[in-house]
Protein backbone atom coordinates (compact mmCIF):
# COMPACT_ATOMS: atom_id res chain seq x y z
CA UNK A 1 -19.74 -5.67 16.96
CA UNK A 2 -18.96 -9.16 17.71
CA UNK A 3 -16.97 -10.09 14.46
CA UNK A 4 -13.54 -9.41 13.13
CA UNK A 5 -13.48 -8.25 9.55
CA UNK A 6 -11.77 -11.26 7.92
CA UNK A 7 -12.42 -10.58 3.93
CA UNK A 8 -13.17 -8.05 1.42
CA UNK A 9 -14.19 -8.81 -1.96
CA UNK A 10 -14.89 -6.73 -5.06
CA UNK A 11 -16.46 -7.98 -8.22
CA UNK A 12 -18.30 -7.21 -11.05
CA UNK A 13 -22.03 -8.28 -11.60
CA UNK A 14 -22.58 -10.95 -14.61
CA UNK A 15 -25.89 -9.15 -15.53
CA UNK A 16 -24.02 -5.82 -15.80
CA UNK A 17 -20.69 -6.70 -17.58
CA UNK A 18 -20.63 -10.40 -18.60
CA UNK A 19 -18.97 -13.22 -17.21
CA UNK A 20 -15.66 -12.93 -19.16
CA UNK A 21 -15.20 -9.26 -18.03
CA UNK A 22 -16.10 -10.06 -14.40
CA UNK A 23 -13.36 -12.73 -14.41
CA UNK A 24 -10.56 -10.58 -16.07
CA UNK A 25 -11.91 -7.98 -13.41
CA UNK A 26 -11.30 -10.14 -10.47
CA UNK A 27 -8.10 -11.59 -11.75
CA UNK A 28 -6.66 -7.88 -12.25
CA UNK A 29 -7.59 -7.11 -8.87
CA UNK A 30 -6.42 -10.17 -6.99
CA UNK A 31 -3.25 -8.85 -5.93
CA UNK A 32 -4.69 -5.94 -4.02
CA UNK A 33 -7.82 -8.22 -2.40
CA UNK A 34 -5.02 -10.90 -1.48
CA UNK A 35 -3.09 -8.51 0.19
CA UNK A 36 -5.87 -6.82 2.17
CA UNK A 37 -6.84 -10.49 3.12
CA UNK A 38 -3.46 -11.56 4.56
CA UNK A 39 -3.38 -8.08 6.62
CA UNK A 40 -7.04 -7.97 8.05
CA UNK A 41 -6.92 -10.87 10.43
CA UNK A 42 -8.25 -9.68 13.45
CA UNK A 43 -7.46 -6.12 13.10
CA UNK A 44 -10.78 -4.73 12.69
CA UNK A 45 -14.13 -5.27 14.60
CA UNK A 46 -17.21 -5.41 12.41
CA UNK A 47 -20.84 -6.54 12.87
CA UNK A 48 -19.93 -8.75 9.44
CA UNK A 49 -16.77 -10.94 8.59
CA UNK A 50 -16.81 -10.15 4.96
CA UNK A 51 -17.85 -7.39 2.94
CA UNK A 52 -18.26 -7.54 -0.76
CA UNK A 53 -18.29 -4.47 -3.13
CA UNK A 54 -20.66 -5.31 -6.09
CA UNK A 55 -20.20 -3.45 -9.24
CA UNK A 56 -23.25 -2.67 -11.49
CA UNK A 57 -23.95 -0.64 -14.49
CA UNK A 58 -26.07 2.02 -13.82
CA UNK A 59 -28.86 0.92 -16.30
CA UNK A 60 -29.19 -2.43 -14.51
CA UNK A 61 -28.82 -0.94 -10.93
CA UNK A 62 -31.77 1.19 -11.62
CA UNK A 63 -33.54 -1.69 -13.63
CA UNK A 64 -33.56 -3.93 -10.83
CA UNK A 65 -34.17 -1.28 -8.08
CA UNK A 66 -30.89 -2.89 -5.97
CA UNK A 67 -30.37 -1.26 -2.56
CA UNK A 68 -27.10 0.30 -1.88
CA UNK A 69 -26.42 -2.14 1.10
CA UNK A 70 -27.64 -5.71 1.72
CA UNK A 71 -27.02 -7.58 4.91
CA UNK A 72 -26.71 -11.37 5.73
CA UNK A 73 -26.32 -11.36 9.43
CA UNK A 74 -26.80 -15.16 9.38
CA UNK A 75 -23.78 -15.62 7.05
CA UNK A 76 -21.90 -12.64 8.37
CA UNK A 77 -21.64 -10.82 4.84
CA UNK A 78 -22.70 -7.13 3.90
CA UNK A 79 -22.61 -6.24 0.38
CA UNK A 80 -22.24 -3.13 -0.99
CA UNK A 81 -23.76 -2.42 -4.15
CA UNK A 82 -21.68 0.28 -6.19
CA UNK A 83 -22.42 1.46 -9.38
CA UNK A 84 -19.30 1.95 -11.68
CA UNK A 85 -18.77 1.43 -15.36
CA UNK A 86 -15.67 -1.46 -15.69
CA UNK A 87 -15.24 -0.43 -18.91
CA UNK A 88 -13.28 2.43 -17.52
CA UNK A 89 -10.68 -0.12 -15.85
CA UNK A 90 -10.51 -2.09 -18.85
CA UNK A 91 -9.58 0.85 -20.92
CA UNK A 92 -6.50 1.53 -18.90
CA UNK A 93 -3.31 0.42 -19.99
CA UNK A 94 -1.27 -0.75 -17.17
CA UNK A 95 -1.91 -2.73 -13.77
CA UNK A 96 -0.96 0.13 -11.59
CA UNK A 97 -3.60 2.44 -13.14
CA UNK A 98 -6.13 -0.56 -12.58
CA UNK A 99 -5.06 -0.75 -9.11
CA UNK A 100 -5.66 2.97 -8.65
CA UNK A 101 -8.96 2.94 -9.76
CA UNK A 102 -9.80 0.03 -7.58
CA UNK A 103 -8.27 1.77 -4.67
CA UNK A 104 -10.53 4.58 -5.45
CA UNK A 105 -13.62 2.42 -5.55
CA UNK A 106 -12.62 1.11 -2.23
CA UNK A 107 -12.08 4.49 -0.50
CA UNK A 108 -15.52 5.91 -2.02
CA UNK A 109 -17.21 2.74 -0.87
CA UNK A 110 -15.73 2.33 2.52
CA UNK A 111 -15.62 6.15 3.64
CA UNK A 112 -19.29 6.56 3.40
CA UNK A 113 -20.64 3.54 5.22
CA UNK A 114 -23.83 3.56 6.95
CA UNK A 115 -23.86 2.86 10.78
CA UNK A 116 -25.55 -0.35 10.23
CA UNK A 117 -22.50 -1.92 8.55
CA UNK A 118 -20.97 -1.33 12.15
CA UNK A 119 -17.67 -0.86 10.55
CA UNK A 120 -15.04 2.25 10.43
CA UNK A 121 -14.26 2.98 7.00
CA UNK A 122 -11.03 4.80 7.81
CA UNK A 123 -9.87 1.66 9.50
CA UNK A 124 -10.52 -0.46 6.56
CA UNK A 125 -8.72 2.21 4.24
CA UNK A 126 -5.84 2.55 6.40
CA UNK A 127 -5.15 -1.48 5.57
CA UNK A 128 -6.17 -1.06 1.77
CA UNK A 129 -3.94 2.12 1.54
CA UNK A 130 -0.69 0.23 2.93
CA UNK A 131 -1.23 -2.77 0.66
CA UNK A 132 -1.72 -0.64 -2.38
CA UNK A 133 1.48 1.29 -1.63
CA UNK A 134 3.29 -2.23 -1.08
CA UNK A 135 2.03 -3.29 -4.53
CA UNK A 136 3.28 -0.19 -6.21
CA UNK A 137 6.61 -0.53 -4.67
CA UNK A 138 6.99 -4.22 -5.86
CA UNK A 139 5.82 -2.98 -9.28
CA UNK A 140 8.19 -0.34 -9.35
CA UNK A 141 11.03 -2.50 -8.17
CA UNK A 142 10.20 -5.17 -11.15
CA UNK A 143 11.02 -2.26 -13.73
């Protein structure tokens, strides 16, 4: 483990959900992702500097025989390919419920990492949990 994890991204795949929905999803999740980005700086050692959680529909995931994990050692990126129906998030009414759903995706994705990733999921989730709670407090204070 010779790198610091400095970035986590989450995104839907255009081939599964379409460009418009994927862009909306990124916009909806930006506060959580940005908060984690600001907190990660040199806190967690990893084999990869960036981890991307890519969301796929089950049919597309199966059709393309996508591996659950893909590694770009030269670029320092690990991709977690995760099956999830983005329509579940789009059907939610408020931002808090959407953030909770995304938090659940992160929790499932990071708490079940294989050893090859070289990352302790509980360390990542500690930061994600803190940012998530802070966002909920901010949202509550606005009301």
